[in-house]
Amino acid sequence: VFDAAAKTVTWTVPVIAAAETGTRQFRA
């Protein structure tokens, strides 16, 4: 979700396991 006023992008990740690494992307 992009918040234009704050100029931020936010995702809610349901589960992040211990020591897990993941990524999300957007374009600019």
PDB file of all heavy atoms in Angstrom:
ATOM      1  N   VAL A   1       0.859  -1.177   0.000  1.00  0.00           N
ATOM      2  CA  VAL A   1       0.000   0.000   0.000  1.00  0.00           C
ATOM      3  C   VAL A   1       0.900   1.233   0.000  1.00  0.00           C
ATOM      4  O   VAL A   1       1.813   1.343   0.826  1.00  0.00           O
ATOM      5  CB  VAL A   1      -0.914   0.018   1.251  1.00  0.00           C
ATOM      6  CG1 VAL A   1      -1.740   1.285   1.298  1.00  0.00           C
ATOM      7  CG2 VAL A   1      -1.798  -1.213   1.277  1.00  0.00           C
ATOM      8  N   PHE A   2       0.638   2.159  -0.914  1.00  0.00           N
ATOM      9  CA  PHE A   2       1.419   3.394  -0.984  1.00  0.00           C
ATOM     10  C   PHE A   2       0.665   4.504  -0.275  1.00  0.00           C
ATOM     11  O   PHE A   2      -0.513   4.728  -0.521  1.00  0.00           O
ATOM     12  CB  PHE A   2       1.677   3.784  -2.441  1.00  0.00           C
ATOM     13  CG  PHE A   2       2.397   5.096  -2.591  1.00  0.00           C
ATOM     14  CD1 PHE A   2       3.670   5.259  -2.087  1.00  0.00           C
ATOM     15  CD2 PHE A   2       1.798   6.169  -3.228  1.00  0.00           C
ATOM     16  CE1 PHE A   2       4.348   6.475  -2.224  1.00  0.00           C
ATOM     17  CE2 PHE A   2       2.459   7.376  -3.380  1.00  0.00           C
ATOM     18  CZ  PHE A   2       3.731   7.528  -2.869  1.00  0.00           C
ATOM     19  N   ASP A   3       1.359   5.206   0.618  1.00  0.00           N
ATOM     20  CA  ASP A   3       0.814   6.368   1.314  1.00  0.00           C
ATOM     21  C   ASP A   3       1.486   7.602   0.720  1.00  0.00           C
ATOM     22  O   ASP A   3       2.658   7.875   1.001  1.00  0.00           O
ATOM     23  CB  ASP A   3       1.104   6.259   2.809  1.00  0.00           C
ATOM     24  CG  ASP A   3       0.586   7.447   3.617  1.00  0.00           C
ATOM     25  OD1 ASP A   3       0.358   8.539   3.052  1.00  0.00           O
ATOM     26  OD2 ASP A   3       0.405   7.274   4.837  1.00  0.00           O
ATOM     27  N   ALA A   4       0.754   8.322  -0.124  1.00  0.00           N
ATOM     28  CA  ALA A   4       1.328   9.468  -0.834  1.00  0.00           C
ATOM     29  C   ALA A   4       1.753  10.580   0.120  1.00  0.00           C
ATOM     30  O   ALA A   4       2.784  11.232  -0.098  1.00  0.00           O
ATOM     31  CB  ALA A   4       0.335  10.001  -1.863  1.00  0.00           C
ATOM     32  N   ALA A   5       0.982  10.807   1.175  1.00  0.00           N
ATOM     33  CA  ALA A   5       1.309  11.883   2.117  1.00  0.00           C
ATOM     34  C   ALA A   5       2.632  11.610   2.835  1.00  0.00           C
ATOM     35  O   ALA A   5       3.446  12.514   3.021  1.00  0.00           O
ATOM     36  CB  ALA A   5       0.184  12.064   3.126  1.00  0.00           C
ATOM     37  N   ALA A   6       2.856  10.369   3.230  1.00  0.00           N
ATOM     38  CA  ALA A   6       4.083  10.004   3.939  1.00  0.00           C
ATOM     39  C   ALA A   6       5.189   9.558   2.993  1.00  0.00           C
ATOM     40  O   ALA A   6       6.333   9.384   3.409  1.00  0.00           O
ATOM     41  CB  ALA A   6       3.792   8.890   4.935  1.00  0.00           C
ATOM     42  N   LYS A   7       4.825   9.341   1.719  1.00  0.00           N
ATOM     43  CA  LYS A   7       5.755   8.855   0.698  1.00  0.00           C
ATOM     44  C   LYS A   7       6.408   7.537   1.135  1.00  0.00           C
ATOM     45  O   LYS A   7       7.613   7.362   1.064  1.00  0.00           O
ATOM     46  CB  LYS A   7       6.803   9.917   0.352  1.00  0.00           C
ATOM     47  CG  LYS A   7       7.419   9.730  -1.010  1.00  0.00           C
ATOM     48  CD  LYS A   7       8.323  10.865  -1.420  1.00  0.00           C
ATOM     49  CE  LYS A   7       8.966  10.530  -2.764  1.00  0.00           C
ATOM     50  NZ  LYS A   7       9.969  11.500  -3.159  1.00  0.00           N
ATOM     51  N   THR A   8       5.541   6.618   1.638  1.00  0.00           N
ATOM     52  CA  THR A   8       6.006   5.313   2.086  1.00  0.00           C
ATOM     53  C   THR A   8       5.192   4.197   1.434  1.00  0.00           C
ATOM     54  O   THR A   8       4.047   4.399   1.040  1.00  0.00           O
ATOM     55  CB  THR A   8       5.901   5.135   3.611  1.00  0.00           C
ATOM     56  OG1 THR A   8       4.536   5.300   3.993  1.00  0.00           O
ATOM     57  CG2 THR A   8       6.773   6.118   4.357  1.00  0.00           C
ATOM     58  N   VAL A   9       5.806   3.040   1.359  1.00  0.00           N
ATOM     59  CA  VAL A   9       5.147   1.830   0.884  1.00  0.00           C
ATOM     60  C   VAL A   9       5.190   0.841   2.049  1.00  0.00           C
ATOM     61  O   VAL A   9       6.240   0.673   2.680  1.00  0.00           O
ATOM     62  CB  VAL A   9       5.861   1.237  -0.343  1.00  0.00           C
ATOM     63  CG1 VAL A   9       5.151  -0.008  -0.823  1.00  0.00           C
ATOM     64  CG2 VAL A   9       5.962   2.265  -1.458  1.00  0.00           C
ATOM     65  N   THR A  10       4.049   0.192   2.322  1.00  0.00           N
ATOM     66  CA  THR A  10       3.970  -0.743   3.443  1.00  0.00           C
ATOM     67  C   THR A  10       3.311  -2.041   3.006  1.00  0.00           C
ATOM     68  O   THR A  10       2.312  -2.017   2.290  1.00  0.00           O
ATOM     69  CB  THR A  10       3.168  -0.135   4.619  1.00  0.00           C
ATOM     70  OG1 THR A  10       3.788   1.098   5.007  1.00  0.00           O
ATOM     71  CG2 THR A  10       3.121  -1.070   5.811  1.00  0.00           C
ATOM     72  N   TRP A  11       3.880  -3.147   3.447  1.00  0.00           N
ATOM     73  CA  TRP A  11       3.305  -4.473   3.256  1.00  0.00           C
ATOM     74  C   TRP A  11       3.086  -5.082   4.632  1.00  0.00           C
ATOM     75  O   TRP A  11       3.876  -4.850   5.547  1.00  0.00           O
ATOM     76  CB  TRP A  11       4.258  -5.406   2.514  1.00  0.00           C
ATOM     77  CG  TRP A  11       4.601  -5.027   1.131  1.00  0.00           C
ATOM     78  CD1 TRP A  11       4.012  -5.470  -0.018  1.00  0.00           C
ATOM     79  CD2 TRP A  11       5.639  -4.132   0.697  1.00  0.00           C
ATOM     80  NE1 TRP A  11       4.604  -4.909  -1.121  1.00  0.00           N
ATOM     81  CE2 TRP A  11       5.611  -4.086  -0.703  1.00  0.00           C
ATOM     82  CE3 TRP A  11       6.589  -3.368   1.373  1.00  0.00           C
ATOM     83  CZ2 TRP A  11       6.499  -3.317  -1.442  1.00  0.00           C
ATOM     84  CZ3 TRP A  11       7.460  -2.592   0.646  1.00  0.00           C
ATOM     85  CH2 TRP A  11       7.420  -2.573  -0.747  1.00  0.00           C
ATOM     86  N   THR A  12       2.049  -5.893   4.785  1.00  0.00           N
ATOM     87  CA  THR A  12       1.874  -6.688   5.989  1.00  0.00           C
ATOM     88  C   THR A  12       2.260  -8.119   5.631  1.00  0.00           C
ATOM     89  O   THR A  12       1.670  -8.725   4.742  1.00  0.00           O
ATOM     90  CB  THR A  12       0.424  -6.633   6.490  1.00  0.00           C
ATOM     91  OG1 THR A  12       0.101  -5.267   6.793  1.00  0.00           O
ATOM     92  CG2 THR A  12       0.245  -7.487   7.732  1.00  0.00           C
ATOM     93  N   VAL A  13       3.274  -8.630   6.320  1.00  0.00           N
ATOM     94  CA  VAL A  13       3.765  -9.986   6.063  1.00  0.00           C
ATOM     95  C   VAL A  13       3.157 -10.882   7.151  1.00  0.00           C
ATOM     96  O   VAL A  13       3.457 -10.706   8.332  1.00  0.00           O
ATOM     97  CB  VAL A  13       5.308 -10.039   6.078  1.00  0.00           C
ATOM     98  CG1 VAL A  13       5.799 -11.442   5.782  1.00  0.00           C
ATOM     99  CG2 VAL A  13       5.879  -9.036   5.076  1.00  0.00           C
ATOM    100  N   PRO A  14       2.316 -11.848   6.745  1.00  0.00           N
ATOM    101  CA  PRO A  14       1.595 -12.660   7.734  1.00  0.00           C
ATOM    102  C   PRO A  14       2.492 -13.405   8.716  1.00  0.00           C
ATOM    103  O   PRO A  14       2.250 -13.405   9.911  1.00  0.00           O
ATOM    104  CB  PRO A  14       0.788 -13.644   6.883  1.00  0.00           C
ATOM    105  CG  PRO A  14       0.689 -13.010   5.542  1.00  0.00           C
ATOM    106  CD  PRO A  14       1.946 -12.200   5.381  1.00  0.00           C
ATOM    107  N   VAL A  15       3.550 -14.055   8.219  1.00  0.00           N
ATOM    108  CA  VAL A  15       4.463 -14.800   9.089  1.00  0.00           C
ATOM    109  C   VAL A  15       5.884 -14.647   8.559  1.00  0.00           C
ATOM    110  O   VAL A  15       6.135 -14.851   7.371  1.00  0.00           O
ATOM    111  CB  VAL A  15       4.110 -16.310   9.133  1.00  0.00           C
ATOM    112  CG1 VAL A  15       5.124 -17.077   9.971  1.00  0.00           C
ATOM    113  CG2 VAL A  15       2.704 -16.525   9.663  1.00  0.00           C
ATOM    114  N   ILE A  16       6.802 -14.288   9.471  1.00  0.00           N
ATOM    115  CA  ILE A  16       8.229 -14.268   9.151  1.00  0.00           C
ATOM    116  C   ILE A  16       8.890 -15.199  10.163  1.00  0.00           C
ATOM    117  O   ILE A  16       8.939 -14.895  11.356  1.00  0.00           O
ATOM    118  CB  ILE A  16       8.833 -12.851   9.236  1.00  0.00           C
ATOM    119  CG1 ILE A  16       8.069 -11.871   8.350  1.00  0.00           C
ATOM    120  CG2 ILE A  16      10.313 -12.889   8.841  1.00  0.00           C
ATOM    121  CD1 ILE A  16       8.511 -10.428   8.503  1.00  0.00           C
ATOM    122  N   ALA A  17       9.355 -16.328   9.695  1.00  0.00           N
ATOM    123  CA  ALA A  17       9.961 -17.320  10.579  1.00  0.00           C
ATOM    124  C   ALA A  17      11.244 -16.775  11.205  1.00  0.00           C
ATOM    125  O   ALA A  17      11.854 -15.831  10.694  1.00  0.00           O
ATOM    126  CB  ALA A  17      10.270 -18.594   9.786  1.00  0.00           C
ATOM    127  N   ALA A  18      11.647 -17.385  12.318  1.00  0.00           N
ATOM    128  CA  ALA A  18      12.913 -17.016  12.955  1.00  0.00           C
ATOM    129  C   ALA A  18      14.040 -17.137  11.939  1.00  0.00           C
ATOM    130  O   ALA A  18      14.111 -18.111  11.192  1.00  0.00           O
ATOM    131  CB  ALA A  18      13.174 -17.929  14.145  1.00  0.00           C
ATOM    132  N   ALA A  19      14.875 -16.127  11.866  1.00  0.00           N
ATOM    133  CA  ALA A  19      16.042 -16.061  10.977  1.00  0.00           C
ATOM    134  C   ALA A  19      15.683 -16.007   9.485  1.00  0.00           C
ATOM    135  O   ALA A  19      16.563 -16.092   8.641  1.00  0.00           O
ATOM    136  CB  ALA A  19      17.000 -17.218  11.247  1.00  0.00           C
ATOM    137  N   GLU A  20      14.422 -15.835   9.154  1.00  0.00           N
ATOM    138  CA  GLU A  20      14.019 -15.770   7.746  1.00  0.00           C
ATOM    139  C   GLU A  20      14.322 -14.405   7.144  1.00  0.00           C
ATOM    140  O   GLU A  20      14.187 -13.374   7.795  1.00  0.00           O
ATOM    141  CB  GLU A  20      12.525 -16.045   7.605  1.00  0.00           C
ATOM    142  CG  GLU A  20      12.034 -15.946   6.170  1.00  0.00           C
ATOM    143  CD  GLU A  20      10.530 -16.163   6.031  1.00  0.00           C
ATOM    144  OE1 GLU A  20       9.814 -16.175   7.033  1.00  0.00           O
ATOM    145  OE2 GLU A  20      10.093 -16.301   4.886  1.00  0.00           O
ATOM    146  N   THR A  21      14.706 -14.418   5.862  1.00  0.00           N
ATOM    147  CA  THR A  21      14.894 -13.194   5.089  1.00  0.00           C
ATOM    148  C   THR A  21      13.950 -13.263   3.892  1.00  0.00           C
ATOM    149  O   THR A  21      13.786 -14.316   3.282  1.00  0.00           O
ATOM    150  CB  THR A  21      16.352 -13.081   4.598  1.00  0.00           C
ATOM    151  OG1 THR A  21      17.209 -12.953   5.733  1.00  0.00           O
ATOM    152  CG2 THR A  21      16.543 -11.873   3.691  1.00  0.00           C
ATOM    153  N   GLY A  22      13.343 -12.136   3.571  1.00  0.00           N
ATOM    154  CA  GLY A  22      12.465 -12.062   2.414  1.00  0.00           C
ATOM    155  C   GLY A  22      12.566 -10.693   1.780  1.00  0.00           C
ATOM    156  O   GLY A  22      13.265  -9.807   2.293  1.00  0.00           O
ATOM    157  N   THR A  23      11.899 -10.515   0.661  1.00  0.00           N
ATOM    158  CA  THR A  23      11.940  -9.222  -0.021  1.00  0.00           C
ATOM    159  C   THR A  23      10.566  -8.836  -0.536  1.00  0.00           C
ATOM    160  O   THR A  23       9.706  -9.686  -0.777  1.00  0.00           O
ATOM    161  CB  THR A  23      12.917  -9.229  -1.221  1.00  0.00           C
ATOM    162  OG1 THR A  23      12.497 -10.208  -2.160  1.00  0.00           O
ATOM    163  CG2 THR A  23      14.344  -9.483  -0.794  1.00  0.00           C
ATOM    164  N   ARG A  24      10.388  -7.562  -0.708  1.00  0.00           N
ATOM    165  CA  ARG A  24       9.253  -6.974  -1.417  1.00  0.00           C
ATOM    166  C   ARG A  24       9.849  -5.905  -2.321  1.00  0.00           C
ATOM    167  O   ARG A  24      10.940  -5.376  -2.053  1.00  0.00           O
ATOM    168  CB  ARG A  24       8.237  -6.340  -0.459  1.00  0.00           C
ATOM    169  CG  ARG A  24       7.553  -7.321   0.489  1.00  0.00           C
ATOM    170  CD  ARG A  24       6.650  -8.264  -0.282  1.00  0.00           C
ATOM    171  NE  ARG A  24       5.824  -9.084   0.572  1.00  0.00           N
ATOM    172  CZ  ARG A  24       6.143 -10.303   0.995  1.00  0.00           C
ATOM    173  NH1 ARG A  24       7.301 -10.823   0.661  1.00  0.00           N
ATOM    174  NH2 ARG A  24       5.323 -11.000   1.747  1.00  0.00           N
ATOM    175  N   GLN A  25       9.149  -5.560  -3.397  1.00  0.00           N
ATOM    176  CA  GLN A  25       9.688  -4.578  -4.336  1.00  0.00           C
ATOM    177  C   GLN A  25       8.625  -3.581  -4.769  1.00  0.00           C
ATOM    178  O   GLN A  25       7.431  -3.897  -4.770  1.00  0.00           O
ATOM    179  CB  GLN A  25      10.233  -5.274  -5.576  1.00  0.00           C
ATOM    180  CG  GLN A  25      11.419  -6.159  -5.305  1.00  0.00           C
ATOM    181  CD  GLN A  25      11.933  -6.836  -6.560  1.00  0.00           C
ATOM    182  OE1 GLN A  25      11.174  -7.207  -7.435  1.00  0.00           O
ATOM    183  NE2 GLN A  25      13.251  -6.971  -6.648  1.00  0.00           N
ATOM    184  N   PHE A  26       9.107  -2.410  -5.147  1.00  0.00           N
ATOM    185  CA  PHE A  26       8.271  -1.423  -5.828  1.00  0.00           C
ATOM    186  C   PHE A  26       9.148  -0.710  -6.835  1.00  0.00           C
ATOM    187  O   PHE A  26      10.375  -0.837  -6.824  1.00  0.00           O
ATOM    188  CB  PHE A  26       7.600  -0.456  -4.845  1.00  0.00           C
ATOM    189  CG  PHE A  26       8.534   0.450  -4.081  1.00  0.00           C
ATOM    190  CD1 PHE A  26       8.887   1.694  -4.575  1.00  0.00           C
ATOM    191  CD2 PHE A  26       9.034   0.064  -2.856  1.00  0.00           C
ATOM    192  CE1 PHE A  26       9.723   2.542  -3.873  1.00  0.00           C
ATOM    193  CE2 PHE A  26       9.871   0.901  -2.123  1.00  0.00           C
ATOM    194  CZ  PHE A  26      10.213   2.137  -2.638  1.00  0.00           C
ATOM    195  N   ARG A  27       8.508   0.014  -7.710  1.00  0.00           N
ATOM    196  CA  ARG A  27       9.246   0.754  -8.735  1.00  0.00           C
ATOM    197  C   ARG A  27       9.122   2.239  -8.471  1.00  0.00           C
ATOM    198  O   ARG A  27       8.116   2.718  -7.947  1.00  0.00           O
ATOM    199  CB  ARG A  27       8.716   0.389 -10.112  1.00  0.00           C
ATOM    200  CG  ARG A  27       9.007  -1.076 -10.429  1.00  0.00           C
ATOM    201  CD  ARG A  27       8.375  -1.604 -11.683  1.00  0.00           C
ATOM    202  NE  ARG A  27       7.932  -0.591 -12.615  1.00  0.00           N
ATOM    203  CZ  ARG A  27       8.069  -0.635 -13.914  1.00  0.00           C
ATOM    204  NH1 ARG A  27       8.626  -1.673 -14.468  1.00  0.00           N
ATOM    205  NH2 ARG A  27       7.616   0.308 -14.688  1.00  0.00           N
ATOM    206  N   ALA A  28      10.186   2.956  -8.853  1.00  0.00           N
ATOM    207  CA  ALA A  28      10.215   4.404  -8.663  1.00  0.00           C
ATOM    208  C   ALA A  28      10.879   5.046  -9.876  1.00  0.00           C
ATOM    209  O   ALA A  28      11.757   4.465 -10.506  1.00  0.00           O
ATOM    210  CB  ALA A  28      10.976   4.760  -7.397  1.00  0.00           C
TER     211      ALA A  28
END
